[in-house]
Each structure stands twice: as structure tokens, then as C-alpha cells.
Amino acid sequence: MLQKRKPQGYNQITPYIMAFTGIAYVVMGGFVIKRSSLLPITETMADVLGILFIIYGLYRGWRAYKAFTDSSQD
């Protein structure tokens, strides 16, 4: 049977990529809220979308933190 094997450096770089995406979602959420006039949606909808981006970014950041602490314990 073939085993599922990850590349050697995969576990080391994954938490950093996850942290970067979390930060990117938080920044994108702030941008959507701040610049809602640039989007072709209502201001209320832009605020809701921005808040959802920020919440998702915080979730991704938390998952990155957990992945980082789990990988450092190995």
C-alpha cells in the first residue's frame, strides 16, 4: 500500500502560510469596510462582508497558531 507522505519541509512552512492568509483576510476585511464606496454593493452589505472577512481571518490566524504550536512540539 502507498503511504501518504508529505514533503520534508511541508510541516515547517505550513503554519507561516496559514498565518499569512489569516492576516490577509483581516486586512481585506478592513479594506472592504473602509472603502465600501468602491464596491458595487450597498454599504450595509459591505460592512457585513468586511466583518465576515475579519472573523474568518481571525479563525485562520488561530488555526495557524495551533499548527505552529503543534509543529514545534514534534
PDB file of N, CA and C in Angstrom:
ATOM      1  N   MET A   1       0.831  -1.186   0.000  1.00  0.00           N
ATOM      2  CA  MET A   1       0.000   0.000   0.000  1.00  0.00           C
ATOM      3  C   MET A   1       0.873   1.246   0.000  1.00  0.00           C
ATOM      4  N   LEU A   2       0.419   2.242  -0.690  1.00  0.00           N
ATOM      5  CA  LEU A   2       1.124   3.507  -0.706  1.00  0.00           C
ATOM      6  C   LEU A   2       0.753   4.319   0.530  1.00  0.00           C
ATOM      7  N   GLN A   3       1.759   4.849   1.173  1.00  0.00           N
ATOM      8  CA  GLN A   3       1.518   5.683   2.342  1.00  0.00           C
ATOM      9  C   GLN A   3       1.412   7.130   1.908  1.00  0.00           C
ATOM     10  N   LYS A   4       0.606   7.879   2.630  1.00  0.00           N
ATOM     11  CA  LYS A   4       0.514   9.307   2.358  1.00  0.00           C
ATOM     12  C   LYS A   4       1.689   9.983   3.041  1.00  0.00           C
ATOM     13  N   ARG A   5       2.594  10.482   2.240  1.00  0.00           N
ATOM     14  CA  ARG A   5       3.777  11.152   2.785  1.00  0.00           C
ATOM     15  C   ARG A   5       3.801  12.583   2.293  1.00  0.00           C
ATOM     16  N   LYS A   6       4.129  13.477   3.188  1.00  0.00           N
ATOM     17  CA  LYS A   6       4.252  14.883   2.848  1.00  0.00           C
ATOM     18  C   LYS A   6       5.714  15.196   2.586  1.00  0.00           C
ATOM     19  N   PRO A   7       5.969  16.198   1.763  1.00  0.00           N
ATOM     20  CA  PRO A   7       7.361  16.607   1.543  1.00  0.00           C
ATOM     21  C   PRO A   7       8.034  17.001   2.848  1.00  0.00           C
ATOM     22  N   GLN A   8       9.326  16.949   2.881  1.00  0.00           N
ATOM     23  CA  GLN A   8      10.108  17.156   4.099  1.00  0.00           C
ATOM     24  C   GLN A   8       9.827  18.488   4.771  1.00  0.00           C
ATOM     25  N   GLY A   9       9.827  19.593   4.052  1.00  0.00           N
ATOM     26  CA  GLY A   9       9.656  20.910   4.644  1.00  0.00           C
ATOM     27  C   GLY A   9       8.215  21.361   4.776  1.00  0.00           C
ATOM     28  N   TYR A  10       7.276  20.506   4.416  1.00  0.00           N
ATOM     29  CA  TYR A  10       5.857  20.876   4.405  1.00  0.00           C
ATOM     30  C   TYR A  10       5.368  21.307   5.782  1.00  0.00           C
ATOM     31  N   ASN A  11       5.691  20.542   6.815  1.00  0.00           N
ATOM     32  CA  ASN A  11       5.218  20.856   8.152  1.00  0.00           C
ATOM     33  C   ASN A  11       5.861  22.119   8.707  1.00  0.00           C
ATOM     34  N   GLN A  12       6.986  22.514   8.188  1.00  0.00           N
ATOM     35  CA  GLN A  12       7.659  23.699   8.700  1.00  0.00           C
ATOM     36  C   GLN A  12       7.110  24.984   8.095  1.00  0.00           C
ATOM     37  N   ILE A  13       6.696  24.962   6.857  1.00  0.00           N
ATOM     38  CA  ILE A  13       6.248  26.186   6.191  1.00  0.00           C
ATOM     39  C   ILE A  13       4.741  26.387   6.278  1.00  0.00           C
ATOM     40  N   THR A  14       3.971  25.356   6.495  1.00  0.00           N
ATOM     41  CA  THR A  14       2.517  25.460   6.522  1.00  0.00           C
ATOM     42  C   THR A  14       1.994  26.470   7.539  1.00  0.00           C
ATOM     43  N   PRO A  15       2.456  26.491   8.787  1.00  0.00           N
ATOM     44  CA  PRO A  15       1.924  27.496   9.728  1.00  0.00           C
ATOM     45  C   PRO A  15       2.161  28.928   9.278  1.00  0.00           C
ATOM     46  N   TYR A  16       3.271  29.189   8.605  1.00  0.00           N
ATOM     47  CA  TYR A  16       3.545  30.540   8.138  1.00  0.00           C
ATOM     48  C   TYR A  16       2.608  30.944   7.001  1.00  0.00           C
ATOM     49  N   ILE A  17       2.320  30.011   6.115  1.00  0.00           N
ATOM     50  CA  ILE A  17       1.372  30.289   5.035  1.00  0.00           C
ATOM     51  C   ILE A  17      -0.018  30.523   5.612  1.00  0.00           C
ATOM     52  N   MET A  18      -0.401  29.712   6.588  1.00  0.00           N
ATOM     53  CA  MET A  18      -1.702  29.887   7.233  1.00  0.00           C
ATOM     54  C   MET A  18      -1.779  31.236   7.952  1.00  0.00           C
ATOM     55  N   ALA A  19      -0.711  31.645   8.612  1.00  0.00           N
ATOM     56  CA  ALA A  19      -0.693  32.938   9.306  1.00  0.00           C
ATOM     57  C   ALA A  19      -0.800  34.078   8.303  1.00  0.00           C
ATOM     58  N   PHE A  20      -0.100  33.965   7.181  1.00  0.00           N
ATOM     59  CA  PHE A  20      -0.165  34.997   6.155  1.00  0.00           C
ATOM     60  C   PHE A  20      -1.580  35.134   5.603  1.00  0.00           C
ATOM     61  N   THR A  21      -2.252  34.021   5.343  1.00  0.00           N
ATOM     62  CA  THR A  21      -3.612  34.106   4.823  1.00  0.00           C
ATOM     63  C   THR A  21      -4.565  34.689   5.866  1.00  0.00           C
ATOM     64  N   GLY A  22      -4.350  34.376   7.130  1.00  0.00           N
ATOM     65  CA  GLY A  22      -5.174  34.969   8.185  1.00  0.00           C
ATOM     66  C   GLY A  22      -5.021  36.477   8.225  1.00  0.00           C
ATOM     67  N   ILE A  23      -3.780  36.945   8.162  1.00  0.00           N
ATOM     68  CA  ILE A  23      -3.527  38.387   8.154  1.00  0.00           C
ATOM     69  C   ILE A  23      -4.125  39.023   6.902  1.00  0.00           C
ATOM     70  N   ALA A  24      -4.009  38.351   5.782  1.00  0.00           N
ATOM     71  CA  ALA A  24      -4.544  38.888   4.526  1.00  0.00           C
ATOM     72  C   ALA A  24      -6.062  39.042   4.607  1.00  0.00           C
ATOM     73  N   TYR A  25      -6.769  38.075   5.198  1.00  0.00           N
ATOM     74  CA  TYR A  25      -8.219  38.180   5.328  1.00  0.00           C
ATOM     75  C   TYR A  25      -8.616  39.316   6.270  1.00  0.00           C
ATOM     76  N   VAL A  26      -7.879  39.513   7.360  1.00  0.00           N
ATOM     77  CA  VAL A  26      -8.183  40.613   8.274  1.00  0.00           C
ATOM     78  C   VAL A  26      -7.975  41.956   7.571  1.00  0.00           C
ATOM     79  N   VAL A  27      -6.884  42.084   6.839  1.00  0.00           N
ATOM     80  CA  VAL A  27      -6.622  43.326   6.103  1.00  0.00           C
ATOM     81  C   VAL A  27      -7.683  43.544   5.025  1.00  0.00           C
ATOM     82  N   MET A  28      -8.054  42.480   4.324  1.00  0.00           N
ATOM     83  CA  MET A  28      -9.072  42.604   3.294  1.00  0.00           C
ATOM     84  C   MET A  28     -10.419  43.014   3.896  1.00  0.00           C
ATOM     85  N   GLY A  29     -10.747  42.464   5.061  1.00  0.00           N
ATOM     86  CA  GLY A  29     -11.984  42.856   5.730  1.00  0.00           C
ATOM     87  C   GLY A  29     -11.976  44.316   6.121  1.00  0.00           C
ATOM     88  N   GLY A  30     -10.850  44.796   6.642  1.00  0.00           N
ATOM     89  CA  GLY A  30     -10.736  46.209   6.969  1.00  0.00           C
ATOM     90  C   GLY A  30     -10.849  47.094   5.743  1.00  0.00           C
ATOM     91  N   PHE A  31     -10.256  46.653   4.648  1.00  0.00           N
ATOM     92  CA  PHE A  31     -10.334  47.411   3.396  1.00  0.00           C
ATOM     93  C   PHE A  31     -11.769  47.477   2.885  1.00  0.00           C
ATOM     94  N   VAL A  32     -12.485  46.366   2.950  1.00  0.00           N
ATOM     95  CA  VAL A  32     -13.875  46.340   2.473  1.00  0.00           C
ATOM     96  C   VAL A  32     -14.734  47.278   3.317  1.00  0.00           C
ATOM     97  N   ILE A  33     -14.506  47.292   4.625  1.00  0.00           N
ATOM     98  CA  ILE A  33     -15.286  48.183   5.488  1.00  0.00           C
ATOM     99  C   ILE A  33     -14.918  49.642   5.227  1.00  0.00           C
ATOM    100  N   LYS A  34     -13.639  49.917   5.123  1.00  0.00           N
ATOM    101  CA  LYS A  34     -13.163  51.300   4.957  1.00  0.00           C
ATOM    102  C   LYS A  34     -13.519  51.868   3.581  1.00  0.00           C
ATOM    103  N   ARG A  35     -13.400  51.074   2.550  1.00  0.00           N
ATOM    104  CA  ARG A  35     -13.624  51.535   1.173  1.00  0.00           C
ATOM    105  C   ARG A  35     -14.891  50.939   0.567  1.00  0.00           C
ATOM    106  N   SER A  36     -15.953  50.906   1.333  1.00  0.00           N
ATOM    107  CA  SER A  36     -17.186  50.281   0.848  1.00  0.00           C
ATOM    108  C   SER A  36     -17.794  51.024  -0.331  1.00  0.00           C
ATOM    109  N   SER A  37     -17.429  52.291  -0.507  1.00  0.00           N
ATOM    110  CA  SER A  37     -17.989  53.053  -1.629  1.00  0.00           C
ATOM    111  C   SER A  37     -17.439  52.573  -2.974  1.00  0.00           C
ATOM    112  N   LEU A  38     -16.323  51.871  -2.975  1.00  0.00           N
ATOM    113  CA  LEU A  38     -15.738  51.380  -4.228  1.00  0.00           C
ATOM    114  C   LEU A  38     -16.398  50.099  -4.735  1.00  0.00           C
ATOM    115  N   LEU A  39     -17.163  49.446  -3.881  1.00  0.00           N
ATOM    116  CA  LEU A  39     -17.773  48.175  -4.254  1.00  0.00           C
ATOM    117  C   LEU A  39     -19.180  48.389  -4.805  1.00  0.00           C
ATOM    118  N   PRO A  40     -19.597  47.533  -5.727  1.00  0.00           N
ATOM    119  CA  PRO A  40     -20.936  47.701  -6.315  1.00  0.00           C
ATOM    120  C   PRO A  40     -22.045  47.060  -5.459  1.00  0.00           C
ATOM    121  N   ILE A  41     -21.924  47.166  -4.130  1.00  0.00           N
ATOM    122  CA  ILE A  41     -22.943  46.643  -3.220  1.00  0.00           C
ATOM    123  C   ILE A  41     -23.287  47.739  -2.211  1.00  0.00           C
ATOM    124  N   THR A  42     -24.358  47.529  -1.482  1.00  0.00           N
ATOM    125  CA  THR A  42     -24.767  48.538  -0.511  1.00  0.00           C
ATOM    126  C   THR A  42     -23.743  48.631   0.613  1.00  0.00           C
ATOM    127  N   GLU A  43     -23.757  49.746   1.321  1.00  0.00           N
ATOM    128  CA  GLU A  43     -22.791  49.962   2.391  1.00  0.00           C
ATOM    129  C   GLU A  43     -23.001  48.965   3.544  1.00  0.00           C
ATOM    130  N   THR A  44     -24.251  48.656   3.825  1.00  0.00           N
ATOM    131  CA  THR A  44     -24.537  47.676   4.890  1.00  0.00           C
ATOM    132  C   THR A  44     -24.000  46.302   4.522  1.00  0.00           C
ATOM    133  N   MET A  45     -24.198  45.908   3.281  1.00  0.00           N
ATOM    134  CA  MET A  45     -23.705  44.614   2.823  1.00  0.00           C
ATOM    135  C   MET A  45     -22.178  44.585   2.840  1.00  0.00           C
ATOM    136  N   ALA A  46     -21.537  45.693   2.499  1.00  0.00           N
ATOM    137  CA  ALA A  46     -20.076  45.768   2.538  1.00  0.00           C
ATOM    138  C   ALA A  46     -19.569  45.639   3.970  1.00  0.00           C
ATOM    139  N   ASP A  47     -20.273  46.253   4.921  1.00  0.00           N
ATOM    140  CA  ASP A  47     -19.883  46.133   6.328  1.00  0.00           C
ATOM    141  C   ASP A  47     -19.998  44.684   6.809  1.00  0.00           C
ATOM    142  N   VAL A  48     -21.076  44.032   6.441  1.00  0.00           N
ATOM    143  CA  VAL A  48     -21.267  42.629   6.827  1.00  0.00           C
ATOM    144  C   VAL A  48     -20.180  41.758   6.203  1.00  0.00           C
ATOM    145  N   LEU A  49     -19.895  41.985   4.936  1.00  0.00           N
ATOM    146  CA  LEU A  49     -18.858  41.211   4.252  1.00  0.00           C
ATOM    147  C   LEU A  49     -17.491  41.454   4.887  1.00  0.00           C
ATOM    148  N   GLY A  50     -17.190  42.707   5.227  1.00  0.00           N
ATOM    149  CA  GLY A  50     -15.926  43.026   5.878  1.00  0.00           C
ATOM    150  C   GLY A  50     -15.803  42.351   7.238  1.00  0.00           C
ATOM    151  N   ILE A  51     -16.878  42.350   8.006  1.00  0.00           N
ATOM    152  CA  ILE A  51     -16.858  41.689   9.318  1.00  0.00           C
ATOM    153  C   ILE A  51     -16.652  40.185   9.161  1.00  0.00           C
ATOM    154  N   LEU A  52     -17.298  39.601   8.162  1.00  0.00           N
ATOM    155  CA  LEU A  52     -17.109  38.164   7.919  1.00  0.00           C
ATOM    156  C   LEU A  52     -15.666  37.854   7.524  1.00  0.00           C
ATOM    157  N   PHE A  53     -15.066  38.706   6.696  1.00  0.00           N
ATOM    158  CA  PHE A  53     -13.659  38.518   6.336  1.00  0.00           C
ATOM    159  C   PHE A  53     -12.766  38.594   7.574  1.00  0.00           C
ATOM    160  N   ILE A  54     -13.040  39.547   8.443  1.00  0.00           N
ATOM    161  CA  ILE A  54     -12.225  39.700   9.649  1.00  0.00           C
ATOM    162  C   ILE A  54     -12.387  38.499  10.570  1.00  0.00           C
ATOM    163  N   ILE A  55     -13.614  38.031  10.753  1.00  0.00           N
ATOM    164  CA  ILE A  55     -13.835  36.853  11.607  1.00  0.00           C
ATOM    165  C   ILE A  55     -13.135  35.632  11.026  1.00  0.00           C
ATOM    166  N   TYR A  56     -13.245  35.443   9.705  1.00  0.00           N
ATOM    167  CA  TYR A  56     -12.586  34.307   9.075  1.00  0.00           C
ATOM    168  C   TYR A  56     -11.064  34.427   9.172  1.00  0.00           C
ATOM    169  N   GLY A  57     -10.552  35.648   9.043  1.00  0.00           N
ATOM    170  CA  GLY A  57      -9.116  35.863   9.178  1.00  0.00           C
ATOM    171  C   GLY A  57      -8.626  35.546  10.582  1.00  0.00           C
ATOM    172  N   LEU A  58      -9.398  35.919  11.599  1.00  0.00           N
ATOM    173  CA  LEU A  58      -9.040  35.579  12.976  1.00  0.00           C
ATOM    174  C   LEU A  58      -9.069  34.070  13.193  1.00  0.00           C
ATOM    175  N   TYR A  59     -10.048  33.407  12.589  1.00  0.00           N
ATOM    176  CA  TYR A  59     -10.110  31.943  12.672  1.00  0.00           C
ATOM    177  C   TYR A  59      -8.884  31.307  12.017  1.00  0.00           C
ATOM    178  N   ARG A  60      -8.508  31.808  10.841  1.00  0.00           N
ATOM    179  CA  ARG A  60      -7.320  31.277  10.162  1.00  0.00           C
ATOM    180  C   ARG A  60      -6.057  31.542  10.983  1.00  0.00           C
ATOM    181  N   GLY A  61      -5.999  32.704  11.629  1.00  0.00           N
ATOM    182  CA  GLY A  61      -4.857  33.012  12.486  1.00  0.00           C
ATOM    183  C   GLY A  61      -4.788  32.088  13.687  1.00  0.00           C
ATOM    184  N   TRP A  62      -5.928  31.772  14.261  1.00  0.00           N
ATOM    185  CA  TRP A  62      -5.964  30.842  15.385  1.00  0.00           C
ATOM    186  C   TRP A  62      -5.519  29.449  14.950  1.00  0.00           C
ATOM    187  N   ARG A  63      -5.984  29.013  13.768  1.00  0.00           N
ATOM    188  CA  ARG A  63      -5.559  27.710  13.247  1.00  0.00           C
ATOM    189  C   ARG A  63      -4.058  27.699  12.962  1.00  0.00           C
ATOM    190  N   ALA A  64      -3.522  28.805  12.486  1.00  0.00           N
ATOM    191  CA  ALA A  64      -2.079  28.897  12.243  1.00  0.00           C
ATOM    192  C   ALA A  64      -1.316  28.808  13.559  1.00  0.00           C
ATOM    193  N   TYR A  65      -1.811  29.459  14.586  1.00  0.00           N
ATOM    194  CA  TYR A  65      -1.177  29.393  15.901  1.00  0.00           C
ATOM    195  C   TYR A  65      -1.177  27.964  16.423  1.00  0.00           C
ATOM    196  N   LYS A  66      -2.318  27.276  16.279  1.00  0.00           N
ATOM    197  CA  LYS A  66      -2.394  25.877  16.720  1.00  0.00           C
ATOM    198  C   LYS A  66      -1.437  25.000  15.906  1.00  0.00           C
ATOM    199  N   ALA A  67      -1.356  25.218  14.611  1.00  0.00           N
ATOM    200  CA  ALA A  67      -0.449  24.432  13.771  1.00  0.00           C
ATOM    201  C   ALA A  67       1.001  24.720  14.143  1.00  0.00           C
ATOM    202  N   PHE A  68       1.299  25.981  14.462  1.00  0.00           N
ATOM    203  CA  PHE A  68       2.661  26.337  14.840  1.00  0.00           C
ATOM    204  C   PHE A  68       3.050  25.695  16.166  1.00  0.00           C
ATOM    205  N   THR A  69       2.155  25.719  17.145  1.00  0.00           N
ATOM    206  CA  THR A  69       2.466  25.111  18.430  1.00  0.00           C
ATOM    207  C   THR A  69       2.534  23.596  18.320  1.00  0.00           C
ATOM    208  N   ASP A  70       1.696  23.008  17.471  1.00  0.00           N
ATOM    209  CA  ASP A  70       1.749  21.549  17.299  1.00  0.00           C
ATOM    210  C   ASP A  70       3.029  21.134  16.578  1.00  0.00           C
ATOM    211  N   SER A  71       3.475  21.919  15.593  1.00  0.00           N
ATOM    212  CA  SER A  71       4.687  21.554  14.856  1.00  0.00           C
ATOM    213  C   SER A  71       5.939  21.787  15.695  1.00  0.00           C
ATOM    214  N   SER A  72       5.888  22.726  16.631  1.00  0.00           N
ATOM    215  CA  SER A  72       7.067  22.967  17.462  1.00  0.00           C
ATOM    216  C   SER A  72       7.200  21.912  18.568  1.00  0.00           C
ATOM    217  N   GLN A  73       6.129  21.192  18.858  1.00  0.00           N
ATOM    218  CA  GLN A  73       6.181  20.136  19.866  1.00  0.00           C
ATOM    219  C   GLN A  73       6.778  18.857  19.312  1.00  0.00           C
ATOM    220  N   ASP A  74       6.799  18.719  18.001  1.00  0.00           N
ATOM    221  CA  ASP A  74       7.327  17.493  17.365  1.00  0.00           C
ATOM    222  C   ASP A  74       8.833  17.406  17.497  1.00  0.00           C
TER     223      ASP A  74
END
